[in-house]
Amino acid sequence: MSETVANQLKELIVQELDVNLKLENIDDNAPLFEDGLGIDSLAIVELITLIEEHFKFEFADSDLRAETFVSLNSLANLVVSKIKPDNTLVV
């Protein structure tokens, strides 16, 4: 499920954020900030909102730590932990 979530996160980043990236060029282990995907702090706030709307959950304050946003994989792992096992992911 983590791979599916990671792919959906990539789509959100490419389609909704003002980044100059192609879906196939996003490495799951690349840092989200600076030399990785180049997402800035304002875009992260926008991404958080997009994730909450797309996956139908709200981040707890305790989820909003730097470790969560190290890479696409770390973010996908948190999202997977928030989704109930019987939920179907929204595409």
N, C-alpha and C. Protein backbone atom coordinates (compact mmCIF):
# COMPACT_ATOMS: atom_id res chain seq x y z
N MET A 1 0.82 -1.19 0.00
CA MET A 1 0.00 0.00 0.00
C MET A 1 0.87 1.26 0.00
N SER A 2 2.03 1.18 0.61
CA SER A 2 2.91 2.35 0.69
C SER A 2 3.32 2.83 -0.71
N GLU A 3 3.56 1.88 -1.61
CA GLU A 3 3.95 2.24 -2.97
C GLU A 3 2.80 2.96 -3.69
N THR A 4 1.57 2.48 -3.48
CA THR A 4 0.40 3.12 -4.07
C THR A 4 0.24 4.54 -3.54
N VAL A 5 0.41 4.70 -2.24
CA VAL A 5 0.31 6.03 -1.62
C VAL A 5 1.42 6.93 -2.16
N ALA A 6 2.63 6.41 -2.26
CA ALA A 6 3.75 7.20 -2.78
C ALA A 6 3.45 7.68 -4.20
N ASN A 7 2.86 6.82 -5.02
CA ASN A 7 2.51 7.21 -6.38
C ASN A 7 1.44 8.30 -6.39
N GLN A 8 0.48 8.19 -5.50
CA GLN A 8 -0.56 9.22 -5.42
C GLN A 8 0.03 10.55 -4.93
N LEU A 9 0.98 10.47 -4.00
CA LEU A 9 1.64 11.69 -3.53
C LEU A 9 2.42 12.35 -4.66
N LYS A 10 3.09 11.55 -5.47
CA LYS A 10 3.82 12.08 -6.63
C LYS A 10 2.86 12.83 -7.55
N GLU A 11 1.70 12.23 -7.81
CA GLU A 11 0.72 12.87 -8.68
C GLU A 11 0.25 14.20 -8.09
N LEU A 12 0.00 14.23 -6.78
CA LEU A 12 -0.40 15.49 -6.15
C LEU A 12 0.68 16.56 -6.30
N ILE A 13 1.92 16.16 -6.08
CA ILE A 13 3.04 17.11 -6.17
C ILE A 13 3.16 17.67 -7.58
N VAL A 14 3.12 16.79 -8.58
CA VAL A 14 3.31 17.22 -9.97
C VAL A 14 2.11 18.03 -10.47
N GLN A 15 0.90 17.59 -10.15
CA GLN A 15 -0.30 18.22 -10.71
C GLN A 15 -0.74 19.47 -9.95
N GLU A 16 -0.52 19.51 -8.65
CA GLU A 16 -1.10 20.57 -7.84
C GLU A 16 -0.11 21.62 -7.33
N LEU A 17 1.15 21.25 -7.18
CA LEU A 17 2.13 22.21 -6.68
C LEU A 17 2.88 22.84 -7.84
N ASP A 18 3.41 24.00 -7.61
CA ASP A 18 4.15 24.71 -8.65
C ASP A 18 5.60 24.22 -8.65
N VAL A 19 5.76 22.97 -9.10
CA VAL A 19 7.10 22.39 -9.20
C VAL A 19 7.35 22.03 -10.65
N ASN A 20 8.58 22.05 -11.03
CA ASN A 20 8.94 21.76 -12.40
C ASN A 20 9.49 20.34 -12.49
N LEU A 21 8.63 19.37 -12.22
CA LEU A 21 9.05 17.97 -12.17
C LEU A 21 8.12 17.12 -13.01
N LYS A 22 8.66 16.01 -13.50
CA LYS A 22 7.85 15.01 -14.17
C LYS A 22 7.69 13.84 -13.22
N LEU A 23 6.53 13.21 -13.28
CA LEU A 23 6.20 12.10 -12.39
C LEU A 23 7.29 11.04 -12.38
N GLU A 24 7.77 10.66 -13.55
CA GLU A 24 8.75 9.58 -13.66
C GLU A 24 10.13 9.97 -13.12
N ASN A 25 10.36 11.26 -12.90
CA ASN A 25 11.66 11.71 -12.39
C ASN A 25 11.71 11.84 -10.88
N ILE A 26 10.62 11.53 -10.20
CA ILE A 26 10.59 11.68 -8.75
C ILE A 26 11.01 10.37 -8.09
N ASP A 27 12.11 10.43 -7.37
CA ASP A 27 12.63 9.28 -6.63
C ASP A 27 11.97 9.26 -5.25
N ASP A 28 11.47 8.10 -4.85
CA ASP A 28 10.79 7.97 -3.56
C ASP A 28 11.67 8.36 -2.38
N ASN A 29 12.99 8.23 -2.53
CA ASN A 29 13.91 8.52 -1.44
C ASN A 29 14.53 9.92 -1.52
N ALA A 30 14.18 10.66 -2.54
CA ALA A 30 14.73 12.01 -2.68
C ALA A 30 14.18 12.92 -1.59
N PRO A 31 15.02 13.79 -1.06
CA PRO A 31 14.53 14.76 -0.07
C PRO A 31 13.45 15.64 -0.69
N LEU A 32 12.46 16.01 0.11
CA LEU A 32 11.40 16.88 -0.40
C LEU A 32 11.89 18.31 -0.57
N PHE A 33 12.82 18.72 0.28
CA PHE A 33 13.30 20.10 0.26
C PHE A 33 14.56 20.25 -0.57
N GLU A 34 14.92 21.47 -0.86
CA GLU A 34 16.17 21.91 -1.47
C GLU A 34 16.63 21.07 -2.64
N ASP A 35 17.76 20.37 -2.50
CA ASP A 35 18.36 19.67 -3.63
C ASP A 35 17.57 18.45 -4.09
N GLY A 36 16.58 18.05 -3.31
CA GLY A 36 15.74 16.93 -3.72
C GLY A 36 14.69 17.41 -4.70
N LEU A 37 13.45 17.48 -4.23
CA LEU A 37 12.35 17.93 -5.08
C LEU A 37 12.22 19.44 -5.11
N GLY A 38 12.92 20.13 -4.23
CA GLY A 38 12.91 21.58 -4.23
C GLY A 38 11.64 22.22 -3.71
N ILE A 39 10.89 21.49 -2.90
CA ILE A 39 9.65 22.03 -2.34
C ILE A 39 9.99 22.95 -1.18
N ASP A 40 9.40 24.14 -1.17
CA ASP A 40 9.66 25.08 -0.08
C ASP A 40 8.60 24.94 1.01
N SER A 41 8.76 25.69 2.09
CA SER A 41 7.88 25.54 3.24
C SER A 41 6.42 25.91 2.92
N LEU A 42 6.21 26.89 2.05
CA LEU A 42 4.84 27.23 1.67
C LEU A 42 4.19 26.11 0.87
N ALA A 43 4.96 25.49 0.00
CA ALA A 43 4.43 24.37 -0.79
C ALA A 43 4.14 23.17 0.11
N ILE A 44 4.92 22.98 1.17
CA ILE A 44 4.66 21.88 2.10
C ILE A 44 3.31 22.10 2.79
N VAL A 45 3.03 23.33 3.17
CA VAL A 45 1.73 23.63 3.80
C VAL A 45 0.60 23.31 2.82
N GLU A 46 0.78 23.71 1.57
CA GLU A 46 -0.22 23.39 0.54
C GLU A 46 -0.35 21.88 0.35
N LEU A 47 0.79 21.18 0.35
CA LEU A 47 0.78 19.73 0.19
C LEU A 47 0.05 19.05 1.34
N ILE A 48 0.25 19.53 2.54
CA ILE A 48 -0.45 18.97 3.71
C ILE A 48 -1.97 19.07 3.50
N THR A 49 -2.43 20.22 3.06
CA THR A 49 -3.86 20.41 2.81
C THR A 49 -4.35 19.48 1.70
N LEU A 50 -3.58 19.36 0.64
CA LEU A 50 -3.96 18.48 -0.46
C LEU A 50 -4.05 17.02 0.00
N ILE A 51 -3.09 16.60 0.81
CA ILE A 51 -3.09 15.23 1.32
C ILE A 51 -4.31 14.98 2.19
N GLU A 52 -4.60 15.92 3.08
CA GLU A 52 -5.76 15.77 3.96
C GLU A 52 -7.05 15.65 3.16
N GLU A 53 -7.19 16.45 2.12
CA GLU A 53 -8.39 16.40 1.28
C GLU A 53 -8.44 15.11 0.46
N HIS A 54 -7.32 14.73 -0.10
CA HIS A 54 -7.27 13.55 -0.98
C HIS A 54 -7.49 12.25 -0.22
N PHE A 55 -6.83 12.12 0.92
CA PHE A 55 -6.88 10.86 1.67
C PHE A 55 -7.92 10.88 2.79
N LYS A 56 -8.60 12.00 2.96
CA LYS A 56 -9.72 12.11 3.92
C LYS A 56 -9.32 11.86 5.37
N PHE A 57 -8.26 12.51 5.81
CA PHE A 57 -7.86 12.49 7.22
C PHE A 57 -7.18 13.81 7.53
N GLU A 58 -6.99 14.08 8.81
CA GLU A 58 -6.27 15.28 9.23
C GLU A 58 -5.00 14.88 9.96
N PHE A 59 -3.93 15.57 9.64
CA PHE A 59 -2.68 15.37 10.36
C PHE A 59 -2.86 15.85 11.79
N ALA A 60 -2.35 15.09 12.73
CA ALA A 60 -2.28 15.56 14.12
C ALA A 60 -1.07 16.50 14.22
N ASP A 61 -1.09 17.39 15.18
CA ASP A 61 0.05 18.29 15.36
C ASP A 61 1.35 17.50 15.54
N SER A 62 1.25 16.36 16.22
CA SER A 62 2.44 15.54 16.47
C SER A 62 2.99 14.90 15.19
N ASP A 63 2.19 14.85 14.12
CA ASP A 63 2.65 14.31 12.84
C ASP A 63 3.50 15.31 12.06
N LEU A 64 3.36 16.56 12.39
CA LEU A 64 4.00 17.62 11.61
C LEU A 64 5.41 17.90 12.13
N ARG A 65 6.24 16.87 12.03
CA ARG A 65 7.65 16.96 12.45
C ARG A 65 8.53 16.92 11.22
N ALA A 66 9.73 17.38 11.35
CA ALA A 66 10.67 17.39 10.22
C ALA A 66 10.88 15.99 9.67
N GLU A 67 10.90 14.97 10.53
CA GLU A 67 11.14 13.59 10.10
C GLU A 67 10.07 13.11 9.12
N THR A 68 8.87 13.62 9.27
CA THR A 68 7.77 13.22 8.39
C THR A 68 8.03 13.65 6.96
N PHE A 69 8.71 14.77 6.79
CA PHE A 69 8.88 15.37 5.47
C PHE A 69 10.31 15.24 4.93
N VAL A 70 11.03 14.24 5.40
CA VAL A 70 12.40 14.01 4.93
C VAL A 70 12.38 13.60 3.46
N SER A 71 11.49 12.68 3.11
CA SER A 71 11.41 12.17 1.75
C SER A 71 9.98 11.78 1.43
N LEU A 72 9.75 11.46 0.18
CA LEU A 72 8.43 10.99 -0.23
C LEU A 72 8.07 9.72 0.52
N ASN A 73 9.05 8.83 0.71
CA ASN A 73 8.81 7.58 1.44
C ASN A 73 8.38 7.83 2.88
N SER A 74 9.05 8.74 3.56
CA SER A 74 8.69 9.00 4.96
C SER A 74 7.28 9.58 5.05
N LEU A 75 6.93 10.43 4.11
CA LEU A 75 5.58 11.00 4.08
C LEU A 75 4.55 9.93 3.75
N ALA A 76 4.86 9.08 2.78
CA ALA A 76 3.94 7.99 2.40
C ALA A 76 3.72 7.03 3.56
N ASN A 77 4.77 6.73 4.31
CA ASN A 77 4.62 5.83 5.46
C ASN A 77 3.68 6.41 6.50
N LEU A 78 3.75 7.70 6.74
CA LEU A 78 2.83 8.32 7.69
C LEU A 78 1.40 8.28 7.17
N VAL A 79 1.22 8.59 5.90
CA VAL A 79 -0.13 8.57 5.32
C VAL A 79 -0.72 7.16 5.42
N VAL A 80 0.08 6.15 5.11
CA VAL A 80 -0.40 4.76 5.22
C VAL A 80 -0.83 4.46 6.64
N SER A 81 -0.09 4.95 7.62
CA SER A 81 -0.45 4.68 9.02
C SER A 81 -1.75 5.36 9.43
N LYS A 82 -2.15 6.40 8.69
CA LYS A 82 -3.38 7.13 8.99
C LYS A 82 -4.61 6.54 8.32
N ILE A 83 -4.39 5.74 7.29
CA ILE A 83 -5.51 5.17 6.54
C ILE A 83 -5.94 3.86 7.20
N LYS A 84 -7.23 3.73 7.42
CA LYS A 84 -7.75 2.49 8.00
C LYS A 84 -7.59 1.37 6.98
N PRO A 85 -7.28 0.15 7.45
CA PRO A 85 -7.05 -0.96 6.54
C PRO A 85 -8.20 -1.25 5.58
N ASP A 86 -9.43 -0.96 5.99
CA ASP A 86 -10.57 -1.26 5.12
C ASP A 86 -10.95 -0.11 4.19
N ASN A 87 -10.21 1.00 4.25
CA ASN A 87 -10.50 2.13 3.37
C ASN A 87 -9.93 1.89 1.99
N THR A 88 -10.66 2.31 1.00
CA THR A 88 -10.16 2.32 -0.36
C THR A 88 -9.58 3.71 -0.60
N LEU A 89 -8.41 3.74 -1.20
CA LEU A 89 -7.77 5.02 -1.45
C LEU A 89 -8.53 5.78 -2.53
N VAL A 90 -8.60 7.07 -2.36
CA VAL A 90 -9.26 7.94 -3.32
C VAL A 90 -8.26 8.27 -4.42
N VAL A 91 -8.68 8.11 -5.65
CA VAL A 91 -7.78 8.42 -6.78
C VAL A 91 -8.14 9.73 -7.38
